[in-house]
C-alpha atoms as a PDB file:
ATOM      1  CA  MET A   1     118.280 157.820  31.787  1.00  0.00           C
ATOM      2  CA  ALA A   2     121.560 158.474  29.970  1.00  0.00           C
ATOM      3  CA  ARG A   3     123.387 158.630  33.318  1.00  0.00           C
ATOM      4  CA  VAL A   4     121.926 155.281  34.361  1.00  0.00           C
ATOM      5  CA  LEU A   5     122.945 153.747  31.039  1.00  0.00           C
ATOM      6  CA  ALA A   6     126.414 155.279  31.336  1.00  0.00           C
ATOM      7  CA  ALA A   7     126.870 153.878  34.820  1.00  0.00           C
ATOM      8  CA  ALA A   8     125.647 150.448  33.742  1.00  0.00           C
ATOM      9  CA  LEU A   9     127.930 150.426  30.714  1.00  0.00           C
ATOM     10  CA  ALA A  10     130.907 151.459  32.820  1.00  0.00           C
ATOM     11  CA  LEU A  11     130.140 148.803  35.441  1.00  0.00           C
ATOM     12  CA  TRP A  12     129.750 146.018  32.901  1.00  0.00           C
ATOM     13  CA  SER A  13     132.919 147.128  31.123  1.00  0.00           C
ATOM     14  CA  VAL A  14     134.919 146.873  34.341  1.00  0.00           C
ATOM     15  CA  LEU A  15     133.384 143.506  35.130  1.00  0.00           C
ATOM     16  CA  ALA A  16     134.174 142.224  31.647  1.00  0.00           C
ATOM     17  CA  LEU A  17     137.851 142.951  32.150  1.00  0.00           C
ATOM     18  CA  GLY A  18     138.037 140.823  35.284  1.00  0.00           C
ATOM     19  CA  ALA A  19     135.688 137.990  34.344  1.00  0.00           C
ATOM     20  CA  PRO A  20     137.583 134.753  33.763  1.00  0.00           C
ATOM     21  CA  ALA A  21     134.579 132.426  33.458  1.00  0.00           C
ATOM     22  CA  SER A  22     131.836 132.347  30.873  1.00  0.00           C
ATOM     23  CA  ALA A  23     128.401 133.738  31.634  1.00  0.00           C
ATOM     24  CA  LEU A  24     125.240 131.770  32.166  1.00  0.00           C
ATOM     25  CA  ASP A  25     123.122 131.401  29.089  1.00  0.00           C
ATOM     26  CA  TRP A  26     119.391 131.205  28.712  1.00  0.00           C
ATOM     27  CA  GLY A  27     117.485 130.271  25.592  1.00  0.00           C
ATOM     28  CA  GLY A  28     120.670 130.297  23.517  1.00  0.00           C
ATOM     29  CA  ILE A  29     121.688 133.808  24.623  1.00  0.00           C
ATOM     30  CA  GLU A  30     124.987 134.155  26.520  1.00  0.00           C
ATOM     31  CA  PRO A  31     126.051 137.652  27.591  1.00  0.00           C
ATOM     32  CA  GLY A  32     129.484 138.543  26.307  1.00  0.00           C
ATOM     33  CA  VAL A  33     129.279 135.924  23.536  1.00  0.00           C
ATOM     34  CA  THR A  34     125.980 136.028  21.633  1.00  0.00           C
ATOM     35  CA  THR A  35     125.619 138.620  18.869  1.00  0.00           C
ATOM     36  CA  ILE A  36     122.641 140.597  17.614  1.00  0.00           C
ATOM     37  CA  GLU A  37     122.535 138.420  14.482  1.00  0.00           C
ATOM     38  CA  GLN A  38     122.349 135.253  16.580  1.00  0.00           C
ATOM     39  CA  VAL A  39     119.512 136.639  18.721  1.00  0.00           C
ATOM     40  CA  ARG A  40     117.624 137.641  15.548  1.00  0.00           C
ATOM     41  CA  ALA A  41     118.117 134.103  14.167  1.00  0.00           C
ATOM     42  CA  LEU A  42     116.756 132.590  17.410  1.00  0.00           C
ATOM     43  CA  TYR A  43     113.860 134.963  18.158  1.00  0.00           C
ATOM     44  CA  GLY A  44     113.277 137.093  15.067  1.00  0.00           C
ATOM     45  CA  ALA A  45     112.953 140.855  15.039  1.00  0.00           C
ATOM     46  CA  PRO A  46     112.170 142.534  18.363  1.00  0.00           C
ATOM     47  CA  SER A  47     108.821 144.124  19.203  1.00  0.00           C
ATOM     48  CA  LYS A  48     110.652 147.388  19.950  1.00  0.00           C
ATOM     49  CA  GLU A  49     114.161 148.677  19.328  1.00  0.00           C
ATOM     50  CA  SER A  50     115.853 151.752  20.717  1.00  0.00           C
ATOM     51  CA  ARG A  51     119.346 153.119  20.462  1.00  0.00           C
ATOM     52  CA  ALA A  52     121.294 155.359  22.784  1.00  0.00           C
ATOM     53  CA  LYS A  53     124.753 156.847  22.991  1.00  0.00           C
ATOM     54  CA  VAL A  54     126.411 156.105  26.317  1.00  0.00           C
ATOM     55  CA  GLU A  55     129.761 157.765  26.984  1.00  0.00           C
ATOM     56  CA  SER A  56     130.289 158.043  23.196  1.00  0.00           C
ATOM     57  CA  TYR A  57     129.388 154.368  22.624  1.00  0.00           C
ATOM     58  CA  ASP A  58     126.357 153.362  20.545  1.00  0.00           C
ATOM     59  CA  THR A  59     124.144 150.896  22.402  1.00  0.00           C
ATOM     60  CA  ILE A  60     121.118 148.926  21.227  1.00  0.00           C
ATOM     61  CA  HIS A  61     118.095 147.891  23.328  1.00  0.00           C
ATOM     62  CA  TRP A  62     115.662 145.227  22.063  1.00  0.00           C
ATOM     63  CA  VAL A  63     112.356 144.332  23.718  1.00  0.00           C
ATOM     64  CA  TYR A  64     110.334 141.237  22.890  1.00  0.00           C
ATOM     65  CA  GLU A  65     106.662 141.221  23.944  1.00  0.00           C
ATOM     66  CA  GLY A  66     103.429 139.467  23.086  1.00  0.00           C
ATOM     67  CA  ALA A  67     103.729 136.626  20.584  1.00  0.00           C
ATOM     68  CA  ARG A  68     107.470 137.294  20.137  1.00  0.00           C
ATOM     69  CA  VAL A  69     108.530 136.171  23.641  1.00  0.00           C
ATOM     70  CA  PRO A  70     109.476 132.602  24.561  1.00  0.00           C
ATOM     71  CA  ALA A  71     106.895 130.484  26.416  1.00  0.00           C
ATOM     72  CA  GLY A  72     106.612 131.326  30.108  1.00  0.00           C
ATOM     73  CA  ILE A  73     108.010 134.838  29.681  1.00  0.00           C
ATOM     74  CA  GLN A  74     106.030 138.098  29.660  1.00  0.00           C
ATOM     75  CA  ARG A  75     108.848 140.306  28.373  1.00  0.00           C
ATOM     76  CA  MET A  76     112.405 139.675  27.240  1.00  0.00           C
ATOM     77  CA  THR A  77     114.859 142.557  26.940  1.00  0.00           C
ATOM     78  CA  VAL A  78     118.298 142.299  25.342  1.00  0.00           C
ATOM     79  CA  ASP A  79     120.882 145.073  25.755  1.00  0.00           C
ATOM     80  CA  TYR A  80     123.809 145.196  23.328  1.00  0.00           C
ATOM     81  CA  GLY A  81     127.111 147.006  23.581  1.00  0.00           C
ATOM     82  CA  LEU A  82     130.042 145.679  25.587  1.00  0.00           C
ATOM     83  CA  LEU A  83     133.445 147.195  26.226  1.00  0.00           C
ATOM     84  CA  THR A  84     136.007 144.371  26.267  1.00  0.00           C
ATOM     85  CA  PRO A  85     139.803 144.253  26.487  1.00  0.00           C
ATOM     86  CA  GLN A  86     139.718 143.806  22.679  1.00  0.00           C
ATOM     87  CA  GLY A  87     137.617 146.955  22.203  1.00  0.00           C
ATOM     88  CA  TYR A  88     133.969 147.946  22.074  1.00  0.00           C
ATOM     89  CA  LYS A  89     131.574 145.344  20.645  1.00  0.00           C
ATOM     90  CA  GLN A  90     128.335 147.140  19.756  1.00  0.00           C
ATOM     91  CA  THR A  91     126.428 144.031  18.680  1.00  0.00           C
ATOM     92  CA  VAL A  92     127.376 141.685  21.554  1.00  0.00           C
ATOM     93  CA  VAL A  93     124.827 140.987  24.302  1.00  0.00           C
ATOM     94  CA  ARG A  94     125.623 142.813  27.539  1.00  0.00           C
ATOM     95  CA  VAL A  95     122.498 141.940  29.574  1.00  0.00           C
ATOM     96  CA  LEU A  96     119.524 139.639  29.037  1.00  0.00           C
ATOM     97  CA  ARG A  97     116.505 140.528  31.179  1.00  0.00           C
ATOM     98  CA  LEU A  98     113.586 138.140  31.568  1.00  0.00           C
ATOM     99  CA  GLU A  99     110.266 139.011  33.162  1.00  0.00           C
ATOM    100  CA  PRO A 100     108.597 135.618  33.675  1.00  0.00           C
ATOM    101  CA  LYS A 101     104.903 134.909  33.888  1.00  0.00           C
ATOM    102  CA  PRO A 102     103.584 134.077  37.387  1.00  0.00           C
ATOM    103  CA  LYS A 103     104.384 130.637  38.804  1.00  0.00           C
ATOM    104  CA  ILE A 104     107.239 129.987  36.358  1.00  0.00           C
ATOM    105  CA  PHE A 105     110.290 130.793  38.523  1.00  0.00           C
ATOM    106  CA  GLY A 106     109.404 130.295  42.166  1.00  0.00           C
ATOM    107  CA  LYS A 107     112.127 130.712  44.805  1.00  0.00           C
ATOM    108  CA  ASN A 108     112.595 126.927  45.091  1.00  0.00           C
ATOM    109  CA  THR A 109     112.870 126.586  41.314  1.00  0.00           C
ATOM    110  CA  VAL A 110     115.552 129.288  41.196  1.00  0.00           C
ATOM    111  CA  VAL A 111     117.601 127.593  43.931  1.00  0.00           C
ATOM    112  CA  GLN A 112     117.164 124.142  42.353  1.00  0.00           C
ATOM    113  CA  GLY A 113     118.206 125.490  38.959  1.00  0.00           C
ATOM    114  CA  PHE A 114     121.037 127.844  39.911  1.00  0.00           C
ATOM    115  CA  GLY A 115     122.036 126.756  43.420  1.00  0.00           C
ATOM    116  CA  VAL A 116     122.348 128.690  46.633  1.00  0.00           C
ATOM    117  CA  PRO A 117     122.918 132.370  45.847  1.00  0.00           C
ATOM    118  CA  ASP A 118     126.277 133.999  46.554  1.00  0.00           C
ATOM    119  CA  GLY A 119     124.459 136.925  48.121  1.00  0.00           C
ATOM    120  CA  ILE A 120     120.956 137.997  49.159  1.00  0.00           C
ATOM    121  CA  SER A 121     119.647 141.496  49.708  1.00  0.00           C
ATOM    122  CA  ASP A 122     116.330 143.112  50.520  1.00  0.00           C
ATOM    123  CA  HIS A 123     115.547 146.243  48.542  1.00  0.00           C
ATOM    124  CA  GLU A 124     112.259 147.972  49.275  1.00  0.00           C
ATOM    125  CA  GLY A 125     110.745 144.746  50.569  1.00  0.00           C
ATOM    126  CA  GLN A 126     111.873 142.572  47.649  1.00  0.00           C
ATOM    127  CA  ASP A 127     114.458 139.815  48.012  1.00  0.00           C
ATOM    128  CA  THR A 128     117.221 139.794  45.410  1.00  0.00           C
ATOM    129  CA  TYR A 129     119.539 136.826  44.847  1.00  0.00           C
ATOM    130  CA  PHE A 130     123.027 137.447  43.437  1.00  0.00           C
ATOM    131  CA  TYR A 131     125.065 134.770  41.684  1.00  0.00           C
ATOM    132  CA  LYS A 132     128.724 135.339  40.787  1.00  0.00           C
ATOM    133  CA  VAL A 133     128.150 133.410  37.554  1.00  0.00           C
ATOM    134  CA  GLY A 134     126.242 136.442  36.271  1.00  0.00           C
ATOM    135  CA  LEU A 135     122.649 136.161  37.449  1.00  0.00           C
ATOM    136  CA  VAL A 136     120.592 138.562  39.560  1.00  0.00           C
ATOM    137  CA  VAL A 137     117.047 137.453  40.456  1.00  0.00           C
ATOM    138  CA  THR A 138     114.479 139.803  41.996  1.00  0.00           C
ATOM    139  CA  PHE A 139     111.422 138.313  43.695  1.00  0.00           C
ATOM    140  CA  ASP A 140     107.947 139.743  44.267  1.00  0.00           C
ATOM    141  CA  LYS A 141     107.006 141.495  47.531  1.00  0.00           C
ATOM    142  CA  GLU A 142     105.751 138.199  48.953  1.00  0.00           C
ATOM    143  CA  GLY A 143     109.162 136.638  48.222  1.00  0.00           C
ATOM    144  CA  ASN A 144     107.749 133.646  46.350  1.00  0.00           C
ATOM    145  CA  GLU A 145     107.968 134.393  42.634  1.00  0.00           C
ATOM    146  CA  ALA A 146     110.807 135.758  40.518  1.00  0.00           C
ATOM    147  CA  VAL A 147     109.702 138.912  38.718  1.00  0.00           C
ATOM    148  CA  VAL A 148     113.026 139.687  36.980  1.00  0.00           C
ATOM    149  CA  LEU A 149     116.019 137.558  36.012  1.00  0.00           C
ATOM    150  CA  ASN A 150     119.053 139.473  34.739  1.00  0.00           C
ATOM    151  CA  PHE A 151     121.722 137.410  32.992  1.00  0.00           C
ATOM    152  CA  MET A 152     125.040 139.219  32.609  1.00  0.00           C
ATOM    153  CA  LEU A 153     128.775 138.646  32.694  1.00  0.00           C
ATOM    154  CA  PRO A 154     130.176 136.741  35.672  1.00  0.00           C
ATOM    155  CA  GLN A 155     130.907 138.898  38.679  1.00  0.00           C
ATOM    156  CA  PRO A 156     134.468 138.926  40.012  1.00  0.00           C
ATOM    157  CA  ASP A 157     135.159 138.071  43.620  1.00  0.00           C
ATOM    158  CA  ALA A 158     135.434 141.083  45.862  1.00  0.00           C
ATOM    159  CA  PRO A 159     139.042 141.962  46.611  1.00  0.00           C
ATOM    160  CA  ALA A 160     140.277 140.710  49.965  1.00  0.00           C
ATOM    161  CA  ALA A 161     139.943 143.284  52.683  1.00  0.00           C
ATOM    162  CA  ARG A 162     143.187 144.756  53.896  1.00  0.00           C
ATOM    163  CA  PRO A 163     143.743 144.813  57.620  1.00  0.00           C
ATOM    164  CA  ALA A 164     143.410 148.215  59.175  1.00  0.00           C
ATOM    165  CA  PRO A 165     146.746 149.903  59.848  1.00  0.00           C
ATOM    166  CA  ALA A 166     147.974 149.745  63.440  1.00  0.00           C
ATOM    167  CA  PRO A 167     147.536 152.950  65.373  1.00  0.00           C
ATOM    168  CA  PRO A 168     150.700 155.006  65.854  1.00  0.00           C
ATOM    169  CA  GLY A 169     152.845 153.690  68.680  1.00  0.00           C
ATOM    170  CA  ALA A 170     151.217 150.235  68.699  1.00  0.00           C
ATOM    171  CA  PRO A 171     153.647 147.330  69.051  1.00  0.00           C
ATOM    172  CA  LYS A 172     154.474 145.541  65.799  1.00  0.00           C
ATOM    173  CA  ARG A 173     153.709 141.845  65.519  1.00  0.00           C
END
């Protein structure tokens, strides 16, 4: 688990350095901006809290369940700890994860609300929509209902591919 957290922290740190736009927000929580104090003011204390050290950085993981989650959501998870160009911010939201109740975020609702995805993949029979603005949506096996929405920092464009070098002896253009 520590390796997964380390990889995630490293990935989000790299993405934070190259992210010129602001992240999407949901329910008043904007990754890279909202602090732990602001989340507590909006939603109160979490149902569960855990802490971990990832590559020498202290991270915080809050889970909201039961009566503590917003309407339409089964579970809300907030991960704190973001490495920025200005330094490590332990109490800034890195990722907001929503697990909606059934029939709340259908595929059409996601597209109407967030637009056509920038990328689509199929992982183990589940469609996943990727948005450069910082949203990753995973759908159920039937492909109709969102089961997880991850709000994070905007994703940078992929670097332009370089043309392959000409083979030795090929004429130059």
